[in-house]
Amino acid sequence: MTFTDKIKKGSFWINAIKVGVVFLIAISFVSLLIYSFQDVISFNWEGVADTNFNNGLWKRFFATKIVASIIYGIFIANKNTK
């Protein structure tokens, strides 16, 4: 089955969304640990917010992760749909 045939199926998009949401949560958590490890370990949520979210930084934080999650979800759904 070709990719264009697969994207016409509703189950393809449901699987892509499921995979994409889980990947988004996982990559966001890992990213927070990488960039704000000391703040996360010490429960300094204000420091985490300043580093990653305040002053419009949330757009940059989530934009790349959302795009990567969409691409990854479609890739995995395409790979697993028969």
Protein backbone atom coordinates (compact mmCIF):
# COMPACT_ATOMS: atom_id res chain seq x y z
CA MET A 1 0.00 0.00 0.00
CA THR A 2 1.40 3.41 -0.92
CA PHE A 3 1.80 6.34 1.45
CA THR A 4 -1.04 8.27 -0.19
CA ASP A 5 -3.37 5.29 0.33
CA LYS A 6 -2.35 5.04 3.97
CA ILE A 7 -2.98 8.72 4.78
CA LYS A 8 -6.57 8.36 3.56
CA LYS A 9 -7.32 5.90 6.38
CA GLY A 10 -8.57 7.24 9.70
CA SER A 11 -6.64 4.63 11.65
CA PHE A 12 -3.40 5.99 10.19
CA TRP A 13 -4.02 9.44 11.68
CA ILE A 14 -5.16 8.05 15.02
CA ASN A 15 -1.93 6.06 15.28
CA ALA A 16 0.14 9.04 14.14
CA ILE A 17 -1.45 11.24 16.83
CA LYS A 18 -0.96 8.60 19.54
CA VAL A 19 2.71 8.19 18.70
CA GLY A 20 3.24 11.92 18.24
CA VAL A 21 1.73 12.88 21.61
CA VAL A 22 3.78 10.30 23.50
CA PHE A 23 6.92 11.42 21.66
CA LEU A 24 6.14 15.08 22.43
CA ILE A 25 5.80 14.37 26.14
CA ALA A 26 8.97 12.27 26.22
CA ILE A 27 11.11 14.73 24.25
CA SER A 28 9.84 17.66 26.34
CA PHE A 29 10.72 15.86 29.56
CA VAL A 30 14.18 14.91 28.30
CA SER A 31 14.77 18.44 27.05
CA LEU A 32 13.84 19.91 30.44
CA LEU A 33 16.25 17.51 32.11
CA ILE A 34 19.07 18.42 29.72
CA TYR A 35 18.69 22.19 29.86
CA SER A 36 17.50 22.62 33.47
CA PHE A 37 18.77 19.54 35.33
CA GLN A 38 19.83 21.36 38.49
CA ASP A 39 16.55 23.30 38.69
CA VAL A 40 14.43 20.17 38.14
CA ILE A 41 16.35 18.15 40.74
CA SER A 42 16.06 20.95 43.32
CA PHE A 43 12.37 21.55 42.44
CA ASN A 44 13.15 25.16 41.45
CA TRP A 45 10.22 25.52 39.06
CA GLU A 46 10.74 29.27 38.79
CA GLY A 47 14.25 28.63 37.44
CA VAL A 48 12.88 26.08 34.97
CA ALA A 49 10.28 28.61 33.82
CA ASP A 50 12.89 31.37 33.45
CA THR A 51 15.22 29.13 31.44
CA ASN A 52 12.66 27.54 29.14
CA PHE A 53 9.30 29.32 29.10
CA ASN A 54 9.27 32.97 30.21
CA ASN A 55 9.63 35.95 27.84
CA GLY A 56 8.39 34.06 24.81
CA LEU A 57 10.89 31.21 25.13
CA TRP A 58 8.02 28.72 25.27
CA LYS A 59 7.46 29.23 21.53
CA ARG A 60 11.00 28.14 20.69
CA PHE A 61 10.84 25.33 23.27
CA PHE A 62 7.67 23.76 21.87
CA ALA A 63 7.90 24.67 18.15
CA THR A 64 10.71 22.30 17.30
CA LYS A 65 9.33 19.56 19.50
CA ILE A 66 5.87 19.77 17.94
CA VAL A 67 7.28 19.65 14.41
CA ALA A 68 9.55 16.72 15.32
CA SER A 69 6.62 14.90 16.98
CA ILE A 70 4.40 15.32 13.92
CA ILE A 71 7.11 14.03 11.59
CA TYR A 72 7.97 11.13 13.90
CA GLY A 73 4.30 10.19 14.39
CA ILE A 74 3.66 10.12 10.64
CA PHE A 75 6.87 8.15 10.02
CA ILE A 76 6.05 5.47 12.60
CA ALA A 77 2.38 5.26 11.58
CA ASN A 78 3.46 4.86 7.93
CA LYS A 79 5.93 2.17 8.90
CA ASN A 80 3.40 0.21 10.99
CA THR A 81 0.28 0.57 8.82
CA LYS A 82 -0.32 -2.30 6.45
